[in-house]
N, C-alpha and C. Protein backbone atom coordinates (compact mmCIF):
# COMPACT_ATOMS: atom_id res chain seq x y z
N MET A 1 80.70 48.54 0.01
CA MET A 1 80.93 48.53 -1.43
C MET A 1 80.58 47.14 -1.98
N ILE A 2 79.90 47.13 -3.10
CA ILE A 2 79.50 45.84 -3.68
C ILE A 2 80.56 45.33 -4.65
N ASP A 3 80.62 44.04 -4.77
CA ASP A 3 81.61 43.35 -5.56
C ASP A 3 81.22 43.37 -7.04
N LYS A 4 82.04 44.00 -7.86
CA LYS A 4 81.75 44.11 -9.30
C LYS A 4 81.77 42.75 -9.99
N LYS A 5 82.60 41.83 -9.49
CA LYS A 5 82.63 40.48 -10.07
C LYS A 5 81.31 39.76 -9.81
N LEU A 6 80.76 39.94 -8.60
CA LEU A 6 79.48 39.32 -8.26
C LEU A 6 78.38 39.87 -9.16
N ILE A 7 78.37 41.17 -9.35
CA ILE A 7 77.38 41.80 -10.23
C ILE A 7 77.48 41.20 -11.63
N ALA A 8 78.70 41.08 -12.14
CA ALA A 8 78.91 40.57 -13.50
C ALA A 8 78.43 39.13 -13.65
N VAL A 9 78.72 38.26 -12.67
CA VAL A 9 78.30 36.86 -12.81
C VAL A 9 76.78 36.73 -12.70
N ILE A 10 76.17 37.53 -11.85
CA ILE A 10 74.70 37.48 -11.75
C ILE A 10 74.07 37.98 -13.05
N LYS A 11 74.60 39.05 -13.60
CA LYS A 11 74.04 39.60 -14.84
C LYS A 11 74.18 38.64 -16.02
N LYS A 12 75.19 37.78 -15.98
CA LYS A 12 75.34 36.84 -17.11
C LYS A 12 74.50 35.59 -16.93
N GLY A 13 73.71 35.51 -15.85
CA GLY A 13 72.79 34.39 -15.68
C GLY A 13 73.21 33.36 -14.66
N SER A 14 74.29 33.62 -13.95
CA SER A 14 74.75 32.67 -12.94
C SER A 14 73.81 32.65 -11.75
N ILE A 15 73.83 31.53 -11.03
CA ILE A 15 73.06 31.43 -9.79
C ILE A 15 74.00 31.05 -8.66
N GLY A 16 73.62 31.45 -7.46
CA GLY A 16 74.47 31.13 -6.32
C GLY A 16 73.73 31.25 -5.02
N VAL A 17 74.47 31.00 -3.96
CA VAL A 17 73.94 31.07 -2.61
C VAL A 17 74.58 32.28 -1.94
N MET A 18 73.74 33.10 -1.32
CA MET A 18 74.25 34.27 -0.61
C MET A 18 73.28 34.67 0.49
N PRO A 19 73.77 35.44 1.46
CA PRO A 19 72.86 35.92 2.50
C PRO A 19 71.91 36.96 1.91
N THR A 20 70.70 36.94 2.38
CA THR A 20 69.76 38.00 2.03
C THR A 20 69.52 38.77 3.33
N ASP A 21 68.49 39.55 3.38
CA ASP A 21 68.16 40.27 4.61
C ASP A 21 67.52 39.36 5.65
N THR A 22 67.18 38.15 5.24
CA THR A 22 66.52 37.22 6.16
C THR A 22 67.39 35.97 6.34
N ILE A 23 67.38 35.06 5.38
CA ILE A 23 68.16 33.83 5.46
C ILE A 23 68.97 33.69 4.18
N TYR A 24 69.80 32.65 4.11
CA TYR A 24 70.53 32.41 2.87
C TYR A 24 69.54 32.07 1.77
N GLY A 25 69.80 32.63 0.58
CA GLY A 25 68.94 32.38 -0.56
C GLY A 25 69.71 31.79 -1.72
N LEU A 26 69.00 31.08 -2.56
CA LEU A 26 69.52 30.59 -3.83
C LEU A 26 69.09 31.63 -4.84
N VAL A 27 70.01 32.48 -5.29
CA VAL A 27 69.65 33.68 -6.04
C VAL A 27 70.05 33.62 -7.50
N GLY A 28 69.28 34.36 -8.30
CA GLY A 28 69.56 34.53 -9.72
C GLY A 28 68.62 35.58 -10.27
N SER A 29 68.88 36.03 -11.48
CA SER A 29 68.10 37.10 -12.09
C SER A 29 66.63 36.71 -12.25
N ALA A 30 65.75 37.54 -11.72
CA ALA A 30 64.31 37.33 -11.87
C ALA A 30 63.86 37.62 -13.29
N LEU A 31 64.68 38.31 -14.06
CA LEU A 31 64.30 38.69 -15.41
C LEU A 31 64.75 37.67 -16.45
N SER A 32 65.39 36.59 -16.01
CA SER A 32 65.84 35.54 -16.91
C SER A 32 65.09 34.25 -16.63
N GLN A 33 64.22 33.87 -17.55
CA GLN A 33 63.45 32.63 -17.38
C GLN A 33 64.39 31.43 -17.28
N LYS A 34 65.44 31.42 -18.06
CA LYS A 34 66.41 30.31 -18.05
C LYS A 34 67.04 30.17 -16.65
N THR A 35 67.41 31.28 -16.06
CA THR A 35 68.01 31.27 -14.72
C THR A 35 67.01 30.78 -13.69
N VAL A 36 65.80 31.27 -13.75
CA VAL A 36 64.77 30.87 -12.78
C VAL A 36 64.47 29.38 -12.91
N GLU A 37 64.36 28.88 -14.13
CA GLU A 37 64.08 27.45 -14.32
C GLU A 37 65.23 26.60 -13.78
N ARG A 38 66.45 27.08 -13.92
CA ARG A 38 67.60 26.34 -13.38
C ARG A 38 67.53 26.29 -11.86
N ILE A 39 67.12 27.38 -11.23
CA ILE A 39 66.96 27.40 -9.77
C ILE A 39 65.92 26.38 -9.34
N TYR A 40 64.82 26.31 -10.06
CA TYR A 40 63.78 25.32 -9.74
C TYR A 40 64.35 23.90 -9.82
N ARG A 41 65.13 23.62 -10.86
CA ARG A 41 65.70 22.28 -11.02
C ARG A 41 66.69 21.95 -9.89
N ILE A 42 67.60 22.87 -9.63
CA ILE A 42 68.63 22.62 -8.60
C ILE A 42 68.00 22.47 -7.22
N ARG A 43 67.02 23.29 -6.93
CA ARG A 43 66.39 23.27 -5.62
C ARG A 43 65.32 22.17 -5.50
N LYS A 44 64.97 21.57 -6.65
CA LYS A 44 63.90 20.58 -6.71
C LYS A 44 62.61 21.17 -6.15
N ARG A 45 62.37 22.41 -6.53
CA ARG A 45 61.21 23.15 -6.04
C ARG A 45 59.94 22.71 -6.76
N ASN A 46 58.85 22.66 -6.02
CA ASN A 46 57.54 22.38 -6.58
C ASN A 46 57.28 23.39 -7.70
N LEU A 47 57.02 22.89 -8.89
CA LEU A 47 56.85 23.76 -10.06
C LEU A 47 55.62 24.66 -9.99
N LYS A 48 54.73 24.40 -9.06
CA LYS A 48 53.53 25.23 -8.92
C LYS A 48 53.72 26.36 -7.92
N LYS A 49 54.84 26.36 -7.19
CA LYS A 49 55.08 27.37 -6.17
C LYS A 49 55.89 28.53 -6.74
N PRO A 50 55.38 29.76 -6.66
CA PRO A 50 56.17 30.91 -7.11
C PRO A 50 57.30 31.20 -6.13
N VAL A 51 58.23 32.02 -6.56
CA VAL A 51 59.35 32.42 -5.71
C VAL A 51 59.24 33.90 -5.34
N ILE A 52 59.97 34.28 -4.31
CA ILE A 52 60.01 35.69 -3.89
C ILE A 52 61.04 36.42 -4.74
N VAL A 53 60.71 37.68 -5.08
CA VAL A 53 61.60 38.52 -5.88
C VAL A 53 62.10 39.65 -5.00
N LEU A 54 63.42 39.78 -4.90
CA LEU A 54 64.02 40.89 -4.17
C LEU A 54 64.19 42.06 -5.13
N ILE A 55 63.81 43.26 -4.67
CA ILE A 55 63.93 44.46 -5.50
C ILE A 55 64.82 45.49 -4.80
N GLY A 56 65.45 46.35 -5.60
CA GLY A 56 66.34 47.37 -5.06
C GLY A 56 65.63 48.64 -4.67
N ASP A 57 64.49 48.92 -5.28
CA ASP A 57 63.65 50.06 -4.91
C ASP A 57 62.26 49.87 -5.50
N LEU A 58 61.33 50.70 -5.08
CA LEU A 58 59.93 50.57 -5.52
C LEU A 58 59.77 50.65 -7.03
N ALA A 59 60.64 51.40 -7.69
CA ALA A 59 60.54 51.55 -9.14
C ALA A 59 60.67 50.21 -9.86
N ASP A 60 61.32 49.23 -9.23
CA ASP A 60 61.47 47.91 -9.85
C ASP A 60 60.13 47.22 -10.09
N LEU A 61 59.11 47.57 -9.32
CA LEU A 61 57.79 46.95 -9.52
C LEU A 61 57.27 47.19 -10.93
N ALA A 62 57.59 48.34 -11.50
CA ALA A 62 57.13 48.68 -12.85
C ALA A 62 57.67 47.69 -13.89
N ARG A 63 58.84 47.11 -13.63
CA ARG A 63 59.41 46.13 -14.56
C ARG A 63 58.49 44.92 -14.72
N PHE A 64 57.65 44.70 -13.71
CA PHE A 64 56.74 43.56 -13.71
C PHE A 64 55.30 43.99 -14.03
N GLY A 65 55.16 45.23 -14.50
CA GLY A 65 53.84 45.75 -14.85
C GLY A 65 52.97 46.06 -13.66
N ILE A 66 53.58 46.24 -12.49
CA ILE A 66 52.83 46.50 -11.26
C ILE A 66 52.93 47.97 -10.90
N LYS A 67 51.76 48.59 -10.78
CA LYS A 67 51.68 50.01 -10.42
C LYS A 67 50.84 50.14 -9.16
N PRO A 68 51.51 50.19 -8.00
CA PRO A 68 50.76 50.26 -6.74
C PRO A 68 49.96 51.55 -6.61
N THR A 69 48.81 51.43 -5.99
CA THR A 69 47.97 52.59 -5.73
C THR A 69 48.64 53.44 -4.64
N PRO A 70 48.22 54.69 -4.48
CA PRO A 70 48.78 55.51 -3.40
C PRO A 70 48.61 54.86 -2.02
N ARG A 71 47.48 54.21 -1.80
CA ARG A 71 47.24 53.53 -0.52
C ARG A 71 48.26 52.41 -0.29
N VAL A 72 48.53 51.63 -1.34
CA VAL A 72 49.50 50.54 -1.24
C VAL A 72 50.91 51.11 -1.04
N LYS A 73 51.23 52.20 -1.72
CA LYS A 73 52.55 52.84 -1.52
C LYS A 73 52.72 53.30 -0.07
N THR A 74 51.66 53.81 0.52
CA THR A 74 51.71 54.22 1.93
C THR A 74 51.98 53.00 2.80
N PHE A 75 51.32 51.90 2.50
CA PHE A 75 51.55 50.65 3.23
C PHE A 75 53.01 50.22 3.10
N PHE A 76 53.55 50.26 1.87
CA PHE A 76 54.94 49.89 1.66
C PHE A 76 55.87 50.76 2.52
N GLY A 77 55.55 52.04 2.62
CA GLY A 77 56.37 52.95 3.41
C GLY A 77 56.44 52.58 4.87
N LYS A 78 55.44 51.85 5.35
CA LYS A 78 55.41 51.43 6.76
C LYS A 78 56.20 50.14 7.00
N ILE A 79 56.35 49.31 5.99
CA ILE A 79 57.00 48.01 6.20
C ILE A 79 58.34 47.84 5.47
N TRP A 80 58.58 48.64 4.45
CA TRP A 80 59.80 48.52 3.65
C TRP A 80 60.70 49.71 3.83
N PRO A 81 61.99 49.56 3.77
CA PRO A 81 62.67 48.28 3.63
C PRO A 81 62.55 47.47 4.91
N GLY A 82 62.45 46.17 4.73
CA GLY A 82 62.32 45.29 5.88
C GLY A 82 62.04 43.86 5.47
N PRO A 83 61.91 42.96 6.45
CA PRO A 83 61.79 41.52 6.20
C PRO A 83 60.37 41.07 5.86
N TYR A 84 59.68 41.85 5.03
CA TYR A 84 58.30 41.53 4.65
C TYR A 84 58.23 41.31 3.15
N SER A 85 57.73 40.15 2.77
CA SER A 85 57.50 39.84 1.36
C SER A 85 56.02 40.06 1.10
N VAL A 86 55.73 40.88 0.10
CA VAL A 86 54.35 41.27 -0.17
C VAL A 86 53.89 40.66 -1.49
N VAL A 87 52.79 39.92 -1.42
CA VAL A 87 52.21 39.29 -2.59
C VAL A 87 51.29 40.30 -3.27
N LEU A 88 51.56 40.54 -4.55
CA LEU A 88 50.79 41.51 -5.34
C LEU A 88 50.22 40.83 -6.58
N PRO A 89 49.07 41.30 -7.06
CA PRO A 89 48.48 40.71 -8.27
C PRO A 89 49.34 40.98 -9.51
N CYS A 90 49.45 39.98 -10.35
CA CYS A 90 50.13 40.08 -11.64
C CYS A 90 49.26 39.31 -12.64
N PRO A 91 48.10 39.87 -12.98
CA PRO A 91 47.13 39.12 -13.78
C PRO A 91 47.58 38.86 -15.21
N SER A 92 47.11 37.74 -15.75
CA SER A 92 47.41 37.37 -17.13
C SER A 92 46.36 37.86 -18.11
N VAL A 93 45.34 38.52 -17.61
CA VAL A 93 44.31 39.05 -18.52
C VAL A 93 44.73 40.43 -18.99
N ALA A 94 44.33 40.78 -20.19
CA ALA A 94 44.67 42.09 -20.72
C ALA A 94 44.08 43.18 -19.83
N LEU A 95 44.84 44.22 -19.63
CA LEU A 95 44.39 45.33 -18.80
C LEU A 95 43.36 46.17 -19.54
N ARG A 96 42.51 46.84 -18.77
CA ARG A 96 41.53 47.72 -19.40
C ARG A 96 42.26 48.74 -20.28
N GLY A 97 41.68 49.04 -21.40
CA GLY A 97 42.29 50.00 -22.30
C GLY A 97 43.32 49.36 -23.22
N GLY A 98 43.41 48.02 -23.19
CA GLY A 98 44.32 47.33 -24.10
C GLY A 98 45.78 47.42 -23.71
N GLY A 99 46.06 47.64 -22.44
CA GLY A 99 47.44 47.75 -21.98
C GLY A 99 48.17 46.42 -22.04
N PRO A 100 49.44 46.42 -21.62
CA PRO A 100 50.23 45.19 -21.67
C PRO A 100 49.67 44.12 -20.74
N CYS A 101 50.06 42.93 -20.99
CA CYS A 101 49.59 41.79 -20.21
C CYS A 101 50.78 41.20 -19.45
N PRO A 102 51.19 41.81 -18.33
CA PRO A 102 52.41 41.40 -17.64
C PRO A 102 52.37 39.97 -17.11
N GLY A 103 51.19 39.49 -16.75
CA GLY A 103 51.10 38.16 -16.16
C GLY A 103 51.60 37.06 -17.07
N LYS A 104 51.32 37.16 -18.37
CA LYS A 104 51.79 36.14 -19.31
C LYS A 104 53.31 36.17 -19.42
N LYS A 105 53.88 37.35 -19.47
CA LYS A 105 55.33 37.49 -19.60
C LYS A 105 56.05 36.88 -18.40
N PHE A 106 55.44 36.98 -17.21
CA PHE A 106 56.11 36.50 -16.00
C PHE A 106 55.49 35.23 -15.43
N ALA A 107 54.85 34.44 -16.30
CA ALA A 107 54.27 33.17 -15.85
C ALA A 107 55.33 32.24 -15.27
N TYR A 108 56.56 32.33 -15.78
CA TYR A 108 57.64 31.50 -15.23
C TYR A 108 57.96 31.86 -13.78
N LEU A 109 57.55 33.05 -13.34
CA LEU A 109 57.74 33.45 -11.95
C LEU A 109 56.51 33.16 -11.10
N HIS A 110 55.33 33.53 -11.61
CA HIS A 110 54.13 33.37 -10.77
C HIS A 110 53.51 31.98 -10.84
N ARG A 111 53.94 31.17 -11.81
CA ARG A 111 53.56 29.75 -11.89
C ARG A 111 52.04 29.54 -11.93
N GLY A 112 51.33 30.46 -12.58
CA GLY A 112 49.89 30.32 -12.72
C GLY A 112 49.08 30.94 -11.59
N THR A 113 49.75 31.44 -10.55
CA THR A 113 49.03 32.05 -9.43
C THR A 113 48.57 33.46 -9.75
N GLU A 114 49.17 34.06 -10.78
CA GLU A 114 48.90 35.44 -11.18
C GLU A 114 49.15 36.42 -10.04
N THR A 115 50.09 36.06 -9.18
CA THR A 115 50.58 36.94 -8.13
C THR A 115 52.09 36.79 -8.06
N LEU A 116 52.75 37.84 -7.60
CA LEU A 116 54.18 37.79 -7.36
C LEU A 116 54.46 38.35 -5.98
N ALA A 117 55.42 37.76 -5.28
CA ALA A 117 55.82 38.26 -3.95
C ALA A 117 57.12 39.03 -4.10
N PHE A 118 57.12 40.23 -3.56
CA PHE A 118 58.30 41.10 -3.63
C PHE A 118 58.77 41.47 -2.23
N ARG A 119 60.08 41.69 -2.10
CA ARG A 119 60.63 42.19 -0.84
C ARG A 119 61.68 43.24 -1.15
N LEU A 120 61.60 44.34 -0.43
CA LEU A 120 62.60 45.41 -0.50
C LEU A 120 63.43 45.28 0.77
N PRO A 121 64.62 44.66 0.67
CA PRO A 121 65.41 44.38 1.86
C PRO A 121 65.98 45.64 2.51
N LYS A 122 66.26 45.52 3.79
CA LYS A 122 66.78 46.66 4.55
C LYS A 122 68.27 46.93 4.34
N PRO A 123 69.14 45.92 4.31
CA PRO A 123 70.57 46.22 4.21
C PRO A 123 70.91 47.04 2.96
N GLN A 124 71.63 48.12 3.18
CA GLN A 124 72.03 49.01 2.07
C GLN A 124 72.84 48.25 1.02
N TRP A 125 73.75 47.37 1.46
CA TRP A 125 74.60 46.66 0.51
C TRP A 125 73.76 45.80 -0.43
N LEU A 126 72.71 45.19 0.11
CA LEU A 126 71.87 44.32 -0.70
C LEU A 126 71.02 45.13 -1.68
N ARG A 127 70.50 46.26 -1.22
CA ARG A 127 69.73 47.12 -2.15
C ARG A 127 70.63 47.66 -3.25
N ALA A 128 71.88 48.01 -2.91
CA ALA A 128 72.83 48.48 -3.93
C ALA A 128 73.11 47.37 -4.94
N LEU A 129 73.29 46.15 -4.45
CA LEU A 129 73.50 45.01 -5.35
C LEU A 129 72.30 44.84 -6.27
N LEU A 130 71.10 44.91 -5.73
CA LEU A 130 69.88 44.74 -6.52
C LEU A 130 69.71 45.85 -7.55
N ARG A 131 70.10 47.06 -7.20
CA ARG A 131 70.02 48.15 -8.17
C ARG A 131 71.01 47.91 -9.32
N ALA A 132 72.13 47.27 -9.02
CA ALA A 132 73.14 46.99 -10.04
C ALA A 132 72.79 45.77 -10.89
N THR A 133 72.20 44.74 -10.28
CA THR A 133 71.91 43.50 -11.01
C THR A 133 70.51 43.44 -11.58
N GLY A 134 69.60 44.21 -10.99
CA GLY A 134 68.18 44.06 -11.28
C GLY A 134 67.59 43.09 -10.28
N PRO A 135 66.28 42.92 -10.28
CA PRO A 135 65.61 42.05 -9.32
C PRO A 135 66.14 40.62 -9.36
N LEU A 136 66.20 40.01 -8.18
CA LEU A 136 66.67 38.63 -8.05
C LEU A 136 65.60 37.76 -7.41
N VAL A 137 65.45 36.54 -7.91
CA VAL A 137 64.64 35.57 -7.17
C VAL A 137 65.52 35.07 -6.04
N ALA A 138 64.90 34.72 -4.92
CA ALA A 138 65.71 34.32 -3.77
C ALA A 138 64.98 33.32 -2.88
N PRO A 139 64.65 32.14 -3.42
CA PRO A 139 64.08 31.13 -2.51
C PRO A 139 65.15 30.72 -1.51
N SER A 140 64.72 30.16 -0.40
CA SER A 140 65.69 29.75 0.62
C SER A 140 66.67 28.73 0.05
N ALA A 141 67.88 28.73 0.61
CA ALA A 141 68.96 27.87 0.12
C ALA A 141 68.82 26.47 0.72
N ASN A 142 67.94 25.70 0.14
CA ASN A 142 67.73 24.31 0.53
C ASN A 142 66.90 23.61 -0.53
N PRO A 143 67.09 22.30 -0.66
CA PRO A 143 66.17 21.56 -1.52
C PRO A 143 64.78 21.55 -0.89
N GLU A 144 63.78 21.46 -1.72
CA GLU A 144 62.38 21.42 -1.25
C GLU A 144 62.24 20.38 -0.13
N GLY A 145 61.64 20.79 0.98
CA GLY A 145 61.37 19.88 2.08
C GLY A 145 62.47 19.76 3.12
N LYS A 146 63.64 20.32 2.85
CA LYS A 146 64.77 20.28 3.79
C LYS A 146 64.84 21.63 4.52
N PRO A 147 65.48 21.67 5.70
CA PRO A 147 65.61 22.95 6.40
C PRO A 147 66.56 23.90 5.65
N PRO A 148 66.29 25.21 5.71
CA PRO A 148 67.17 26.17 5.04
C PRO A 148 68.61 26.10 5.57
N ALA A 149 69.56 26.26 4.68
CA ALA A 149 70.97 26.30 5.08
C ALA A 149 71.20 27.53 5.94
N LYS A 150 71.94 27.36 7.02
CA LYS A 150 72.24 28.48 7.92
C LYS A 150 73.64 29.03 7.71
N THR A 151 74.43 28.30 6.92
CA THR A 151 75.80 28.71 6.62
C THR A 151 76.12 28.34 5.17
N VAL A 152 77.21 28.88 4.66
CA VAL A 152 77.66 28.49 3.33
C VAL A 152 78.03 27.01 3.32
N ALA A 153 78.66 26.53 4.39
CA ALA A 153 79.02 25.11 4.46
C ALA A 153 77.77 24.23 4.34
N GLY A 154 76.69 24.62 5.01
CA GLY A 154 75.44 23.88 4.91
C GLY A 154 74.87 23.91 3.50
N ALA A 155 74.96 25.07 2.84
CA ALA A 155 74.48 25.19 1.47
C ALA A 155 75.32 24.34 0.52
N LYS A 156 76.63 24.29 0.77
CA LYS A 156 77.50 23.48 -0.09
C LYS A 156 77.16 22.00 0.04
N LYS A 157 76.73 21.57 1.22
CA LYS A 157 76.32 20.17 1.38
C LYS A 157 75.09 19.88 0.53
N TYR A 158 74.20 20.86 0.42
CA TYR A 158 73.00 20.69 -0.40
C TYR A 158 73.31 20.75 -1.90
N PHE A 159 74.09 21.75 -2.31
CA PHE A 159 74.20 22.06 -3.73
C PHE A 159 75.56 21.78 -4.37
N GLY A 160 76.61 21.71 -3.56
CA GLY A 160 77.94 21.42 -4.10
C GLY A 160 78.30 22.30 -5.27
N THR A 161 78.64 21.68 -6.40
CA THR A 161 79.06 22.42 -7.60
C THR A 161 77.90 22.72 -8.55
N LYS A 162 76.68 22.47 -8.12
CA LYS A 162 75.51 22.74 -8.97
C LYS A 162 75.23 24.22 -9.10
N VAL A 163 75.77 25.03 -8.18
CA VAL A 163 75.60 26.49 -8.26
C VAL A 163 76.94 27.11 -8.66
N ASP A 164 76.89 28.34 -9.13
CA ASP A 164 78.07 29.00 -9.69
C ASP A 164 78.90 29.77 -8.66
N PHE A 165 78.30 30.19 -7.55
CA PHE A 165 79.06 30.95 -6.56
C PHE A 165 78.42 30.82 -5.19
N TYR A 166 79.23 31.09 -4.19
CA TYR A 166 78.78 31.14 -2.79
C TYR A 166 79.33 32.42 -2.18
N VAL A 167 78.48 33.12 -1.43
CA VAL A 167 78.88 34.33 -0.72
C VAL A 167 78.49 34.14 0.74
N SER A 168 79.45 34.29 1.64
CA SER A 168 79.12 34.14 3.06
C SER A 168 78.81 35.51 3.65
N GLY A 169 78.09 35.49 4.76
CA GLY A 169 77.74 36.73 5.44
C GLY A 169 76.71 36.48 6.51
N GLU A 170 76.32 37.54 7.16
CA GLU A 170 75.34 37.44 8.25
C GLU A 170 73.92 37.45 7.71
N THR A 171 73.06 36.72 8.41
CA THR A 171 71.65 36.72 8.09
C THR A 171 70.85 36.93 9.37
N ARG A 172 69.58 37.15 9.21
CA ARG A 172 68.67 37.34 10.34
C ARG A 172 68.27 35.99 10.94
N ALA A 173 68.50 34.93 10.20
CA ALA A 173 68.19 33.56 10.61
C ALA A 173 66.71 33.27 10.74
N ALA A 174 65.87 34.11 10.15
CA ALA A 174 64.43 33.86 10.13
C ALA A 174 63.90 34.29 8.76
N ALA A 175 63.00 33.49 8.20
CA ALA A 175 62.41 33.81 6.91
C ALA A 175 61.57 35.08 7.00
N SER A 176 61.27 35.65 5.85
CA SER A 176 60.45 36.86 5.83
C SER A 176 59.00 36.54 6.18
N THR A 177 58.29 37.57 6.59
CA THR A 177 56.85 37.47 6.84
C THR A 177 56.15 37.73 5.51
N LEU A 178 55.23 36.86 5.14
CA LEU A 178 54.53 36.98 3.87
C LEU A 178 53.19 37.68 4.10
N LEU A 179 52.99 38.77 3.36
CA LEU A 179 51.75 39.55 3.43
C LEU A 179 51.14 39.60 2.04
N GLU A 180 49.81 39.71 1.95
CA GLU A 180 49.17 39.79 0.65
C GLU A 180 48.36 41.05 0.53
N VAL A 181 48.51 41.71 -0.63
CA VAL A 181 47.74 42.92 -0.93
C VAL A 181 46.69 42.52 -1.96
N LYS A 182 45.45 42.75 -1.63
CA LYS A 182 44.35 42.47 -2.56
C LYS A 182 43.97 43.76 -3.26
N ARG A 183 43.41 43.64 -4.42
CA ARG A 183 43.00 44.84 -5.17
C ARG A 183 41.94 45.60 -4.44
């Protein structure tokens, strides 16, 4: 069962440290530019590097204007849910037929790369949380250039009171494998 208080604080724009399906992440709403920018500041992340977005199900990709082809959906079925982050195109040019331009809307996430990395985690509790909160950015819980925190105590040494919450739990202790899908 997921914690309703955790859902509420994430939905209001809070950021925190919690276990993901791989390692501890510094998490916050992927749909809030203000939240994402705060994560970049706290983590001292290179402003040119995009972050990974955790999703609760494949339908979340549509929120980012991404419509995978049947071939790509088949590929997803082989690796997801699981510890694989998949880089997908999120172009800033107008789509054929005058469709929406999702890349401009999510420039704060893709940082000019016009790609976004998504992961559909395996743990049921995490997917349930993501379905309740919406997609979350989840860079590793460490300042840029430092090793990822392996415990909440380690994360607290890095971030102290700069984050709004800490959640302890088990992790896989290894980062996700990054894969790229080309058009």
